[in-house]
Amino acid sequence: EPYGRQQWGISHSYTFDPFDAFTNVSFTITATAETPDGIQTRARQSDAFYVTSAGQTAAPIINPGSGTYENVVTISMSTASPDSTIYYTLDGTEPSDASTQYTGPFSITESATVNAIAYSTGNAPSPVVTREYTIEIVVTEVSTLAQLRAGELGTTTYKYTGEAVVTHTRTFRNHKYLMDDTGGIQVDDQPGTITSEYNRGDLMSGEQGTLTQFNALTRFVPSLDPGPAQGSQAITPVPLTLAEATISQHESMLVKIENVTFVSQGTFTAGTNFQITDPSLPSGQTRTFRTDFSEADYIGTTIPEQPVNITVLVGNFNNSIQYVARDLGDFEPYTSS
């Protein structure tokens, strides 16, 4: 148009050369206008688009990219095709709709080759996408459970090189309670990482993982199976009074407290707090006995009316100390000397 006439609403189009399907294209278009006097004005527009196929499912997008990661990497997947399902393998084999289905982000703690494929109704399967992940294990070794419990919460990986005895196990979240001469800790193994069998009295060493907290209770989350038990030994609960027990020193340890009286009467019900006392506490003071293990065989039995000796795990609920018996064998009559 001649310079000086303003034309509004003019649109321009540009046709790109063909691209292969499943190609990411980034582009910048520069438009230049020049007056009769040679004055130029430029405008730029940048954008990107993804080339799909009319008959094939879009390839999975896997994040993050291939590379080397420390201790763990969390992988997420998506695809541009609507109503599609992604399947993947971690051992480098060809994936298919018989492979593991992707349902959400997951973490790997060992080096792996991830292959993924997507399926959608009415279309051919997508191309296979591959990512290579190298996991470098960086660990901080600790030789006592006291050192472990004092570690940092989060991503730091610790390896326990000492030897701890298993004082209790549960199917709930695959909990295991460990104790050595310095302290105790709860192993929270919800995914079932520890596949080796452990029972009370078994010795565990070489466990590796990270630390978390739940309601202020420190938990050790394993990242690998330490292998079979290193032997076994008799479990010796730490003798204490209610006044002596502290969260900082005794959390998750197995202790024995003598001459305990239950203030509450009736029957034990699961998930309930019952008040207890012993001669070490000032008159009127109590501590909390918690029926935290719903599977325990004393649930539904009569609360002892006479003083008893109790063997209990020391719990921590938001920095308030609690005591949890494992089974009926943890109760015995108190006999004054």
C-alpha atoms as a PDB file:
ATOM      1  CA  GLU A   1       0.000   0.000   0.000  1.00  0.00           C
ATOM      2  CA  PRO A   2       1.230   3.556  -0.622  1.00  0.00           C
ATOM      3  CA  TYR A   3       2.879   5.147   2.405  1.00  0.00           C
ATOM      4  CA  GLY A   4       0.466   7.388   4.267  1.00  0.00           C
ATOM      5  CA  ARG A   5      -2.595   5.188   3.868  1.00  0.00           C
ATOM      6  CA  GLN A   6      -3.358   3.187   7.013  1.00  0.00           C
ATOM      7  CA  GLN A   7      -4.896  -0.173   6.525  1.00  0.00           C
ATOM      8  CA  TRP A   8      -6.245  -1.911   9.644  1.00  0.00           C
ATOM      9  CA  GLY A   9      -7.174  -5.544   9.997  1.00  0.00           C
ATOM     10  CA  ILE A  10      -4.731  -6.765   7.378  1.00  0.00           C
ATOM     11  CA  SER A  11      -3.669 -10.365   8.050  1.00  0.00           C
ATOM     12  CA  HIS A  12      -0.682 -12.182   6.697  1.00  0.00           C
ATOM     13  CA  SER A  13       0.005 -15.908   6.527  1.00  0.00           C
ATOM     14  CA  TYR A  14       3.106 -18.007   6.209  1.00  0.00           C
ATOM     15  CA  THR A  15       3.334 -21.656   5.183  1.00  0.00           C
ATOM     16  CA  PHE A  16       6.069 -23.804   6.703  1.00  0.00           C
ATOM     17  CA  ASP A  17       7.772 -26.601   4.879  1.00  0.00           C
ATOM     18  CA  PRO A  18       6.582 -30.073   6.003  1.00  0.00           C
ATOM     19  CA  PHE A  19       7.995 -31.552   9.211  1.00  0.00           C
ATOM     20  CA  ASP A  20       8.135 -35.129  10.344  1.00  0.00           C
ATOM     21  CA  ALA A  21       5.450 -36.209  12.796  1.00  0.00           C
ATOM     22  CA  PHE A  22       6.274 -35.811  16.496  1.00  0.00           C
ATOM     23  CA  THR A  23       8.593 -32.885  15.876  1.00  0.00           C
ATOM     24  CA  ASN A  24       8.827 -29.859  18.158  1.00  0.00           C
ATOM     25  CA  VAL A  25       9.122 -26.697  16.049  1.00  0.00           C
ATOM     26  CA  SER A  26      10.119 -23.310  17.436  1.00  0.00           C
ATOM     27  CA  PHE A  27       9.929 -20.303  15.120  1.00  0.00           C
ATOM     28  CA  THR A  28      10.296 -16.528  14.976  1.00  0.00           C
ATOM     29  CA  ILE A  29       8.644 -14.421  12.241  1.00  0.00           C
ATOM     30  CA  THR A  30      10.000 -10.958  11.557  1.00  0.00           C
ATOM     31  CA  ALA A  31       7.891  -8.479   9.591  1.00  0.00           C
ATOM     32  CA  THR A  32       9.604  -5.367   8.163  1.00  0.00           C
ATOM     33  CA  ALA A  33       7.888  -2.224   6.878  1.00  0.00           C
ATOM     34  CA  GLU A  34       9.806   0.552   5.079  1.00  0.00           C
ATOM     35  CA  THR A  35       8.759   4.124   4.270  1.00  0.00           C
ATOM     36  CA  PRO A  36       9.649   5.886   0.978  1.00  0.00           C
ATOM     37  CA  ASP A  37      12.321   7.660   2.982  1.00  0.00           C
ATOM     38  CA  GLY A  38      13.957   4.350   3.916  1.00  0.00           C
ATOM     39  CA  ILE A  39      12.809   4.230   7.559  1.00  0.00           C
ATOM     40  CA  GLN A  40      12.247   0.663   8.627  1.00  0.00           C
ATOM     41  CA  THR A  41      10.029  -0.749  11.342  1.00  0.00           C
ATOM     42  CA  ARG A  42      10.224  -4.352  12.497  1.00  0.00           C
ATOM     43  CA  ALA A  43       7.892  -6.594  14.483  1.00  0.00           C
ATOM     44  CA  ARG A  44       8.688 -10.066  15.715  1.00  0.00           C
ATOM     45  CA  GLN A  45       6.466 -12.948  16.800  1.00  0.00           C
ATOM     46  CA  SER A  46       7.852 -16.154  18.342  1.00  0.00           C
ATOM     47  CA  ASP A  47       5.983 -19.362  19.099  1.00  0.00           C
ATOM     48  CA  ALA A  48       6.297 -23.126  18.990  1.00  0.00           C
ATOM     49  CA  PHE A  49       4.166 -26.051  17.931  1.00  0.00           C
ATOM     50  CA  TYR A  50       4.234 -29.812  18.059  1.00  0.00           C
ATOM     51  CA  VAL A  51       3.621 -31.849  14.917  1.00  0.00           C
ATOM     52  CA  THR A  52       1.216 -34.724  15.518  1.00  0.00           C
ATOM     53  CA  SER A  53       0.131 -37.587  13.279  1.00  0.00           C
ATOM     54  CA  ALA A  54      -3.409 -38.205  12.092  1.00  0.00           C
ATOM     55  CA  GLY A  55      -3.018 -41.950  12.543  1.00  0.00           C
ATOM     56  CA  GLN A  56      -0.404 -42.464  15.246  1.00  0.00           C
ATOM     57  CA  THR A  57      -0.425 -41.738  18.986  1.00  0.00           C
ATOM     58  CA  ALA A  58       1.877 -38.916  20.027  1.00  0.00           C
ATOM     59  CA  ALA A  59       5.144 -39.999  21.577  1.00  0.00           C
ATOM     60  CA  PRO A  60       5.473 -39.816  25.380  1.00  0.00           C
ATOM     61  CA  ILE A  61       7.282 -36.830  26.848  1.00  0.00           C
ATOM     62  CA  ILE A  62       9.594 -37.933  29.678  1.00  0.00           C
ATOM     63  CA  ASN A  63      10.985 -35.501  32.206  1.00  0.00           C
ATOM     64  CA  PRO A  64      13.664 -34.880  33.284  1.00  0.00           C
ATOM     65  CA  GLY A  65      16.006 -35.665  30.417  1.00  0.00           C
ATOM     66  CA  SER A  66      18.702 -38.293  30.330  1.00  0.00           C
ATOM     67  CA  GLY A  67      21.620 -37.600  32.633  1.00  0.00           C
ATOM     68  CA  THR A  68      23.419 -38.346  35.863  1.00  0.00           C
ATOM     69  CA  TYR A  69      21.568 -37.764  39.134  1.00  0.00           C
ATOM     70  CA  GLU A  70      22.515 -38.033  42.783  1.00  0.00           C
ATOM     71  CA  ASN A  71      20.815 -40.813  44.778  1.00  0.00           C
ATOM     72  CA  VAL A  72      17.351 -40.471  43.211  1.00  0.00           C
ATOM     73  CA  VAL A  73      15.480 -39.037  40.240  1.00  0.00           C
ATOM     74  CA  THR A  74      11.709 -38.521  39.989  1.00  0.00           C
ATOM     75  CA  ILE A  75      10.283 -39.220  36.534  1.00  0.00           C
ATOM     76  CA  SER A  76       7.072 -37.849  35.032  1.00  0.00           C
ATOM     77  CA  MET A  77       5.477 -38.678  31.667  1.00  0.00           C
ATOM     78  CA  SER A  78       2.817 -37.137  29.428  1.00  0.00           C
ATOM     79  CA  THR A  79       1.626 -37.273  25.838  1.00  0.00           C
ATOM     80  CA  ALA A  80      -0.104 -34.811  23.516  1.00  0.00           C
ATOM     81  CA  SER A  81      -2.644 -37.380  22.342  1.00  0.00           C
ATOM     82  CA  PRO A  82      -5.928 -37.211  24.275  1.00  0.00           C
ATOM     83  CA  ASP A  83      -7.264 -40.322  26.028  1.00  0.00           C
ATOM     84  CA  SER A  84      -3.947 -42.107  25.699  1.00  0.00           C
ATOM     85  CA  THR A  85      -2.214 -44.536  28.057  1.00  0.00           C
ATOM     86  CA  ILE A  86       1.532 -44.757  28.597  1.00  0.00           C
ATOM     87  CA  TYR A  87       3.435 -47.955  29.389  1.00  0.00           C
ATOM     88  CA  TYR A  88       7.089 -48.198  30.292  1.00  0.00           C
ATOM     89  CA  THR A  89       9.992 -50.473  31.194  1.00  0.00           C
ATOM     90  CA  LEU A  90      13.047 -49.744  33.341  1.00  0.00           C
ATOM     91  CA  ASP A  91      15.424 -52.423  32.080  1.00  0.00           C
ATOM     92  CA  GLY A  92      15.891 -51.260  28.510  1.00  0.00           C
ATOM     93  CA  THR A  93      13.471 -53.786  27.019  1.00  0.00           C
ATOM     94  CA  GLU A  94      10.878 -52.851  24.405  1.00  0.00           C
ATOM     95  CA  PRO A  95       7.665 -51.610  26.078  1.00  0.00           C
ATOM     96  CA  SER A  96       4.142 -52.692  25.109  1.00  0.00           C
ATOM     97  CA  ASP A  97       0.643 -52.522  26.545  1.00  0.00           C
ATOM     98  CA  ALA A  98       1.649 -55.478  28.751  1.00  0.00           C
ATOM     99  CA  SER A  99       4.360 -53.396  30.450  1.00  0.00           C
ATOM    100  CA  THR A 100       3.954 -51.287  33.583  1.00  0.00           C
ATOM    101  CA  GLN A 101       1.272 -48.630  33.139  1.00  0.00           C
ATOM    102  CA  TYR A 102       2.236 -45.073  33.998  1.00  0.00           C
ATOM    103  CA  THR A 103      -0.153 -43.655  36.604  1.00  0.00           C
ATOM    104  CA  GLY A 104       1.884 -40.808  38.055  1.00  0.00           C
ATOM    105  CA  PRO A 105       5.411 -39.615  38.846  1.00  0.00           C
ATOM    106  CA  PHE A 106       7.730 -42.264  40.289  1.00  0.00           C
ATOM    107  CA  SER A 107      11.274 -42.297  41.640  1.00  0.00           C
ATOM    108  CA  ILE A 108      14.203 -44.550  40.808  1.00  0.00           C
ATOM    109  CA  THR A 109      17.262 -44.994  43.004  1.00  0.00           C
ATOM    110  CA  GLU A 110      19.302 -47.176  40.647  1.00  0.00           C
ATOM    111  CA  SER A 111      20.631 -46.517  37.146  1.00  0.00           C
ATOM    112  CA  ALA A 112      18.032 -47.426  34.533  1.00  0.00           C
ATOM    113  CA  THR A 113      17.096 -47.227  30.866  1.00  0.00           C
ATOM    114  CA  VAL A 114      13.500 -46.027  30.646  1.00  0.00           C
ATOM    115  CA  ASN A 115      11.578 -46.912  27.491  1.00  0.00           C
ATOM    116  CA  ALA A 116       8.018 -45.621  27.097  1.00  0.00           C
ATOM    117  CA  ILE A 117       5.229 -46.058  24.553  1.00  0.00           C
ATOM    118  CA  ALA A 118       1.724 -44.582  24.337  1.00  0.00           C
ATOM    119  CA  TYR A 119      -1.509 -46.106  23.060  1.00  0.00           C
ATOM    120  CA  SER A 120      -4.769 -44.394  22.103  1.00  0.00           C
ATOM    121  CA  THR A 121      -8.015 -45.702  20.638  1.00  0.00           C
ATOM    122  CA  GLY A 122      -8.146 -45.817  16.846  1.00  0.00           C
ATOM    123  CA  ASN A 123      -4.480 -44.942  16.379  1.00  0.00           C
ATOM    124  CA  ALA A 124      -1.268 -46.844  15.967  1.00  0.00           C
ATOM    125  CA  PRO A 125       1.023 -46.963  19.036  1.00  0.00           C
ATOM    126  CA  SER A 126       3.436 -44.105  19.439  1.00  0.00           C
ATOM    127  CA  PRO A 127       7.147 -44.310  18.738  1.00  0.00           C
ATOM    128  CA  VAL A 128       9.189 -45.597  21.690  1.00  0.00           C
ATOM    129  CA  VAL A 129      10.972 -42.880  23.654  1.00  0.00           C
ATOM    130  CA  THR A 130      14.138 -43.713  25.592  1.00  0.00           C
ATOM    131  CA  ARG A 131      15.850 -41.965  28.477  1.00  0.00           C
ATOM    132  CA  GLU A 132      19.084 -43.030  30.164  1.00  0.00           C
ATOM    133  CA  TYR A 133      19.481 -42.296  33.868  1.00  0.00           C
ATOM    134  CA  THR A 134      22.699 -42.826  35.792  1.00  0.00           C
ATOM    135  CA  ILE A 135      22.238 -42.722  39.560  1.00  0.00           C
ATOM    136  CA  GLU A 136      25.332 -41.917  41.581  1.00  0.00           C
ATOM    137  CA  ILE A 137      24.908 -42.977  45.190  1.00  0.00           C
ATOM    138  CA  VAL A 138      26.319 -40.428  47.606  1.00  0.00           C
ATOM    139  CA  VAL A 139      25.905 -41.609  51.189  1.00  0.00           C
ATOM    140  CA  THR A 140      26.781 -40.360  54.644  1.00  0.00           C
ATOM    141  CA  GLU A 141      27.838 -43.249  56.848  1.00  0.00           C
ATOM    142  CA  VAL A 142      26.758 -43.362  60.497  1.00  0.00           C
ATOM    143  CA  SER A 143      27.710 -46.094  62.953  1.00  0.00           C
ATOM    144  CA  THR A 144      25.010 -45.564  65.598  1.00  0.00           C
ATOM    145  CA  LEU A 145      21.258 -45.042  65.581  1.00  0.00           C
ATOM    146  CA  ALA A 146      21.735 -41.941  67.717  1.00  0.00           C
ATOM    147  CA  GLN A 147      23.829 -40.432  64.899  1.00  0.00           C
ATOM    148  CA  LEU A 148      21.223 -41.500  62.357  1.00  0.00           C
ATOM    149  CA  ARG A 149      18.348 -39.899  64.240  1.00  0.00           C
ATOM    150  CA  ALA A 150      20.369 -36.684  64.517  1.00  0.00           C
ATOM    151  CA  GLY A 151      20.742 -36.511  60.725  1.00  0.00           C
ATOM    152  CA  GLU A 152      19.083 -34.070  58.339  1.00  0.00           C
ATOM    153  CA  LEU A 153      15.576 -34.687  57.067  1.00  0.00           C
ATOM    154  CA  GLY A 154      15.096 -34.775  53.316  1.00  0.00           C
ATOM    155  CA  THR A 155      17.284 -36.036  50.495  1.00  0.00           C
ATOM    156  CA  THR A 156      20.531 -36.850  52.322  1.00  0.00           C
ATOM    157  CA  THR A 157      21.132 -40.602  52.036  1.00  0.00           C
ATOM    158  CA  TYR A 158      22.502 -42.295  55.149  1.00  0.00           C
ATOM    159  CA  LYS A 159      24.057 -45.716  55.500  1.00  0.00           C
ATOM    160  CA  TYR A 160      23.889 -47.323  58.922  1.00  0.00           C
ATOM    161  CA  THR A 161      27.101 -49.295  59.384  1.00  0.00           C
ATOM    162  CA  GLY A 162      26.439 -50.423  62.956  1.00  0.00           C
ATOM    163  CA  GLU A 163      24.441 -53.432  64.064  1.00  0.00           C
ATOM    164  CA  ALA A 164      20.882 -53.019  65.368  1.00  0.00           C
ATOM    165  CA  VAL A 165      18.448 -55.571  66.707  1.00  0.00           C
ATOM    166  CA  VAL A 166      14.895 -55.712  65.370  1.00  0.00           C
ATOM    167  CA  THR A 167      12.562 -55.241  68.338  1.00  0.00           C
ATOM    168  CA  HIS A 168       9.269 -55.359  66.450  1.00  0.00           C
ATOM    169  CA  THR A 169       7.835 -55.695  62.939  1.00  0.00           C
ATOM    170  CA  ARG A 170       4.420 -54.857  61.481  1.00  0.00           C
ATOM    171  CA  THR A 171       2.728 -55.417  58.145  1.00  0.00           C
ATOM    172  CA  PHE A 172       1.351 -51.859  58.370  1.00  0.00           C
ATOM    173  CA  ARG A 173       3.659 -49.856  56.092  1.00  0.00           C
ATOM    174  CA  ASN A 174       6.185 -52.661  56.654  1.00  0.00           C
ATOM    175  CA  HIS A 175       7.259 -50.963  59.861  1.00  0.00           C
ATOM    176  CA  LYS A 176      10.343 -52.263  61.624  1.00  0.00           C
ATOM    177  CA  TYR A 177      11.731 -51.003  64.910  1.00  0.00           C
ATOM    178  CA  LEU A 178      15.506 -51.060  65.364  1.00  0.00           C
ATOM    179  CA  MET A 179      17.585 -50.530  68.498  1.00  0.00           C
ATOM    180  CA  ASP A 180      21.260 -50.434  69.353  1.00  0.00           C
ATOM    181  CA  ASP A 181      23.140 -49.309  72.469  1.00  0.00           C
ATOM    182  CA  THR A 182      22.650 -45.634  71.585  1.00  0.00           C
ATOM    183  CA  GLY A 183      19.034 -45.351  70.507  1.00  0.00           C
ATOM    184  CA  GLY A 184      16.198 -46.598  68.359  1.00  0.00           C
ATOM    185  CA  ILE A 185      14.416 -45.731  65.122  1.00  0.00           C
ATOM    186  CA  GLN A 186      11.286 -46.676  63.223  1.00  0.00           C
ATOM    187  CA  VAL A 187      11.835 -47.966  59.672  1.00  0.00           C
ATOM    188  CA  ASP A 188       8.938 -46.801  57.485  1.00  0.00           C
ATOM    189  CA  ASP A 189       9.020 -49.069  54.432  1.00  0.00           C
ATOM    190  CA  GLN A 190       5.635 -48.503  52.780  1.00  0.00           C
ATOM    191  CA  PRO A 191       6.784 -49.542  49.257  1.00  0.00           C
ATOM    192  CA  GLY A 192       8.275 -52.783  50.634  1.00  0.00           C
ATOM    193  CA  THR A 193      11.859 -51.997  49.634  1.00  0.00           C
ATOM    194  CA  ILE A 194      13.198 -54.451  52.221  1.00  0.00           C
ATOM    195  CA  THR A 195      12.318 -57.819  50.714  1.00  0.00           C
ATOM    196  CA  SER A 196      14.558 -59.863  53.029  1.00  0.00           C
ATOM    197  CA  GLU A 197      12.666 -61.356  55.964  1.00  0.00           C
ATOM    198  CA  TYR A 198      13.272 -59.852  59.393  1.00  0.00           C
ATOM    199  CA  ASN A 199      11.790 -60.916  62.702  1.00  0.00           C
ATOM    200  CA  ARG A 200      12.233 -59.882  66.307  1.00  0.00           C
ATOM    201  CA  GLY A 201      15.779 -60.512  67.479  1.00  0.00           C
ATOM    202  CA  ASP A 202      17.288 -60.404  63.989  1.00  0.00           C
ATOM    203  CA  LEU A 203      20.303 -58.151  63.448  1.00  0.00           C
ATOM    204  CA  MET A 204      20.273 -55.564  60.664  1.00  0.00           C
ATOM    205  CA  SER A 205      23.262 -53.693  59.274  1.00  0.00           C
ATOM    206  CA  GLY A 206      24.068 -51.787  56.095  1.00  0.00           C
ATOM    207  CA  GLU A 207      20.624 -50.239  55.764  1.00  0.00           C
ATOM    208  CA  GLN A 208      20.513 -47.202  53.519  1.00  0.00           C
ATOM    209  CA  GLY A 209      17.891 -44.482  53.113  1.00  0.00           C
ATOM    210  CA  THR A 210      16.631 -41.040  54.050  1.00  0.00           C
ATOM    211  CA  LEU A 211      14.991 -39.483  57.098  1.00  0.00           C
ATOM    212  CA  THR A 212      11.469 -38.102  57.407  1.00  0.00           C
ATOM    213  CA  GLN A 213       9.181 -37.167  60.260  1.00  0.00           C
ATOM    214  CA  PHE A 214       5.522 -37.895  60.956  1.00  0.00           C
ATOM    215  CA  ASN A 215       3.906 -35.991  63.824  1.00  0.00           C
ATOM    216  CA  ALA A 216       7.480 -35.285  65.038  1.00  0.00           C
ATOM    217  CA  LEU A 217       8.411 -39.006  65.095  1.00  0.00           C
ATOM    218  CA  THR A 218      11.632 -39.590  63.138  1.00  0.00           C
ATOM    219  CA  ARG A 219      11.379 -42.305  60.480  1.00  0.00           C
ATOM    220  CA  PHE A 220      14.019 -43.999  58.352  1.00  0.00           C
ATOM    221  CA  VAL A 221      12.832 -44.631  54.777  1.00  0.00           C
ATOM    222  CA  PRO A 222      14.955 -47.374  53.169  1.00  0.00           C
ATOM    223  CA  SER A 223      16.173 -47.046  49.599  1.00  0.00           C
ATOM    224  CA  LEU A 224      17.512 -50.589  49.226  1.00  0.00           C
ATOM    225  CA  ASP A 225      17.267 -54.051  50.745  1.00  0.00           C
ATOM    226  CA  PRO A 226      20.184 -54.635  53.146  1.00  0.00           C
ATOM    227  CA  GLY A 227      20.028 -58.384  52.521  1.00  0.00           C
ATOM    228  CA  PRO A 228      19.482 -61.217  54.998  1.00  0.00           C
ATOM    229  CA  ALA A 229      19.776 -60.716  58.737  1.00  0.00           C
ATOM    230  CA  GLN A 230      23.326 -60.642  60.124  1.00  0.00           C
ATOM    231  CA  GLY A 231      22.377 -63.121  62.842  1.00  0.00           C
ATOM    232  CA  SER A 232      20.144 -62.825  65.868  1.00  0.00           C
ATOM    233  CA  GLN A 233      20.331 -62.070  69.582  1.00  0.00           C
ATOM    234  CA  ALA A 234      18.113 -61.829  72.636  1.00  0.00           C
ATOM    235  CA  ILE A 235      16.290 -58.522  72.942  1.00  0.00           C
ATOM    236  CA  THR A 236      17.059 -56.687  76.174  1.00  0.00           C
ATOM    237  CA  PRO A 237      14.663 -53.795  76.886  1.00  0.00           C
ATOM    238  CA  VAL A 238      16.208 -50.759  78.563  1.00  0.00           C
ATOM    239  CA  PRO A 239      15.052 -50.535  82.217  1.00  0.00           C
ATOM    240  CA  LEU A 240      13.526 -47.125  82.953  1.00  0.00           C
ATOM    241  CA  THR A 241      10.999 -45.302  85.058  1.00  0.00           C
ATOM    242  CA  LEU A 242       8.349 -43.042  83.583  1.00  0.00           C
ATOM    243  CA  ALA A 243      10.214 -40.043  84.980  1.00  0.00           C
ATOM    244  CA  GLU A 244      13.493 -41.073  83.328  1.00  0.00           C
ATOM    245  CA  ALA A 245      12.190 -41.727  79.811  1.00  0.00           C
ATOM    246  CA  THR A 246      12.681 -38.909  77.288  1.00  0.00           C
ATOM    247  CA  ILE A 247      11.899 -38.529  73.612  1.00  0.00           C
ATOM    248  CA  SER A 248      15.341 -37.143  72.811  1.00  0.00           C
ATOM    249  CA  GLN A 249      17.127 -40.227  74.148  1.00  0.00           C
ATOM    250  CA  HIS A 250      14.616 -43.068  73.995  1.00  0.00           C
ATOM    251  CA  GLU A 251      12.350 -42.474  70.976  1.00  0.00           C
ATOM    252  CA  SER A 252      11.528 -45.816  69.246  1.00  0.00           C
ATOM    253  CA  MET A 253      13.585 -47.805  71.785  1.00  0.00           C
ATOM    254  CA  LEU A 254      12.152 -50.823  73.589  1.00  0.00           C
ATOM    255  CA  VAL A 255      12.078 -50.127  77.333  1.00  0.00           C
ATOM    256  CA  LYS A 256      10.797 -51.905  80.423  1.00  0.00           C
ATOM    257  CA  ILE A 257       9.003 -49.956  83.156  1.00  0.00           C
ATOM    258  CA  GLU A 258       8.135 -51.638  86.449  1.00  0.00           C
ATOM    259  CA  ASN A 259       5.308 -51.034  88.890  1.00  0.00           C
ATOM    260  CA  VAL A 260       3.031 -49.272  86.422  1.00  0.00           C
ATOM    261  CA  THR A 261      -0.575 -48.568  87.347  1.00  0.00           C
ATOM    262  CA  PHE A 262      -3.273 -47.933  84.756  1.00  0.00           C
ATOM    263  CA  VAL A 263      -5.431 -45.019  85.872  1.00  0.00           C
ATOM    264  CA  SER A 264      -8.015 -45.960  83.262  1.00  0.00           C
ATOM    265  CA  GLN A 265     -10.074 -49.111  83.677  1.00  0.00           C
ATOM    266  CA  GLY A 266     -12.200 -51.216  81.337  1.00  0.00           C
ATOM    267  CA  THR A 267     -10.893 -52.849  78.153  1.00  0.00           C
ATOM    268  CA  PHE A 268      -8.198 -51.902  75.677  1.00  0.00           C
ATOM    269  CA  THR A 269      -9.589 -50.392  72.489  1.00  0.00           C
ATOM    270  CA  ALA A 270      -7.473 -49.664  69.416  1.00  0.00           C
ATOM    271  CA  GLY A 271      -6.219 -46.160  68.734  1.00  0.00           C
ATOM    272  CA  THR A 272      -6.910 -44.928  72.265  1.00  0.00           C
ATOM    273  CA  ASN A 273      -4.880 -43.117  74.910  1.00  0.00           C
ATOM    274  CA  PHE A 274      -4.853 -44.579  78.427  1.00  0.00           C
ATOM    275  CA  GLN A 275      -3.205 -42.856  81.372  1.00  0.00           C
ATOM    276  CA  ILE A 276      -0.542 -44.625  83.432  1.00  0.00           C
ATOM    277  CA  THR A 277       1.631 -43.714  86.403  1.00  0.00           C
ATOM    278  CA  ASP A 278       4.445 -45.173  88.497  1.00  0.00           C
ATOM    279  CA  PRO A 279       6.163 -44.263  91.777  1.00  0.00           C
ATOM    280  CA  SER A 280       8.741 -42.074  89.978  1.00  0.00           C
ATOM    281  CA  LEU A 281       6.114 -39.469  89.053  1.00  0.00           C
ATOM    282  CA  PRO A 282       4.774 -36.884  91.482  1.00  0.00           C
ATOM    283  CA  SER A 283       1.304 -37.643  92.814  1.00  0.00           C
ATOM    284  CA  GLY A 284      -1.357 -36.947  90.201  1.00  0.00           C
ATOM    285  CA  GLN A 285       1.019 -36.951  87.217  1.00  0.00           C
ATOM    286  CA  THR A 286       0.493 -39.463  84.430  1.00  0.00           C
ATOM    287  CA  ARG A 287       1.896 -40.499  81.064  1.00  0.00           C
ATOM    288  CA  THR A 288       0.142 -41.824  77.965  1.00  0.00           C
ATOM    289  CA  PHE A 289      -0.099 -45.502  77.071  1.00  0.00           C
ATOM    290  CA  ARG A 290      -1.249 -45.666  73.429  1.00  0.00           C
ATOM    291  CA  THR A 291      -2.912 -48.672  71.741  1.00  0.00           C
ATOM    292  CA  ASP A 292      -1.310 -47.744  68.418  1.00  0.00           C
ATOM    293  CA  PHE A 293      -1.145 -51.294  67.055  1.00  0.00           C
ATOM    294  CA  SER A 294      -4.707 -52.282  66.170  1.00  0.00           C
ATOM    295  CA  GLU A 295      -3.555 -55.826  65.387  1.00  0.00           C
ATOM    296  CA  ALA A 296      -2.127 -56.370  68.902  1.00  0.00           C
ATOM    297  CA  ASP A 297      -3.604 -59.374  70.720  1.00  0.00           C
ATOM    298  CA  TYR A 298      -4.367 -57.381  73.876  1.00  0.00           C
ATOM    299  CA  ILE A 299      -6.938 -55.199  72.084  1.00  0.00           C
ATOM    300  CA  GLY A 300     -10.289 -56.101  73.643  1.00  0.00           C
ATOM    301  CA  THR A 301      -8.771 -57.539  76.823  1.00  0.00           C
ATOM    302  CA  THR A 302      -9.233 -56.158  80.325  1.00  0.00           C
ATOM    303  CA  ILE A 303      -6.953 -53.354  81.442  1.00  0.00           C
ATOM    304  CA  PRO A 304      -4.827 -54.557  84.405  1.00  0.00           C
ATOM    305  CA  GLU A 305      -6.244 -53.426  87.732  1.00  0.00           C
ATOM    306  CA  GLN A 306      -3.080 -54.226  89.691  1.00  0.00           C
ATOM    307  CA  PRO A 307       0.411 -52.791  89.090  1.00  0.00           C
ATOM    308  CA  VAL A 308       2.280 -54.410  86.210  1.00  0.00           C
ATOM    309  CA  ASN A 309       5.666 -54.349  84.550  1.00  0.00           C
ATOM    310  CA  ILE A 310       5.308 -53.289  80.924  1.00  0.00           C
ATOM    311  CA  THR A 311       7.685 -53.592  77.983  1.00  0.00           C
ATOM    312  CA  VAL A 312       6.912 -50.832  75.528  1.00  0.00           C
ATOM    313  CA  LEU A 313       8.161 -48.957  72.497  1.00  0.00           C
ATOM    314  CA  VAL A 314       8.672 -45.263  73.189  1.00  0.00           C
ATOM    315  CA  GLY A 315       6.539 -43.209  70.850  1.00  0.00           C
ATOM    316  CA  ASN A 316       6.444 -39.539  69.975  1.00  0.00           C
ATOM    317  CA  PHE A 317       3.265 -37.733  68.998  1.00  0.00           C
ATOM    318  CA  ASN A 318       3.946 -34.072  68.311  1.00  0.00           C
ATOM    319  CA  ASN A 319       6.694 -34.074  70.962  1.00  0.00           C
ATOM    320  CA  SER A 320       4.528 -35.748  73.613  1.00  0.00           C
ATOM    321  CA  ILE A 321       5.901 -39.067  74.837  1.00  0.00           C
ATOM    322  CA  GLN A 322       3.768 -42.199  74.458  1.00  0.00           C
ATOM    323  CA  TYR A 323       4.241 -45.879  75.256  1.00  0.00           C
ATOM    324  CA  VAL A 324       3.075 -48.709  72.998  1.00  0.00           C
ATOM    325  CA  ALA A 325       3.061 -52.397  73.968  1.00  0.00           C
ATOM    326  CA  ARG A 326       3.594 -54.927  71.198  1.00  0.00           C
ATOM    327  CA  ASP A 327       1.481 -57.830  72.523  1.00  0.00           C
ATOM    328  CA  LEU A 328       0.211 -59.555  75.671  1.00  0.00           C
ATOM    329  CA  GLY A 329       3.711 -60.830  76.381  1.00  0.00           C
ATOM    330  CA  ASP A 330       4.719 -57.246  77.169  1.00  0.00           C
ATOM    331  CA  PHE A 331       2.607 -57.277  80.346  1.00  0.00           C
ATOM    332  CA  GLU A 332       3.681 -59.128  83.485  1.00  0.00           C
ATOM    333  CA  PRO A 333       2.535 -58.840  87.119  1.00  0.00           C
ATOM    334  CA  TYR A 334       4.585 -56.565  89.336  1.00  0.00           C
ATOM    335  CA  THR A 335       6.030 -58.252  92.387  1.00  0.00           C
ATOM    336  CA  SER A 336       7.598 -56.061  95.047  1.00  0.00           C
ATOM    337  CA  SER A 337      10.993 -57.282  96.286  1.00  0.00           C
END
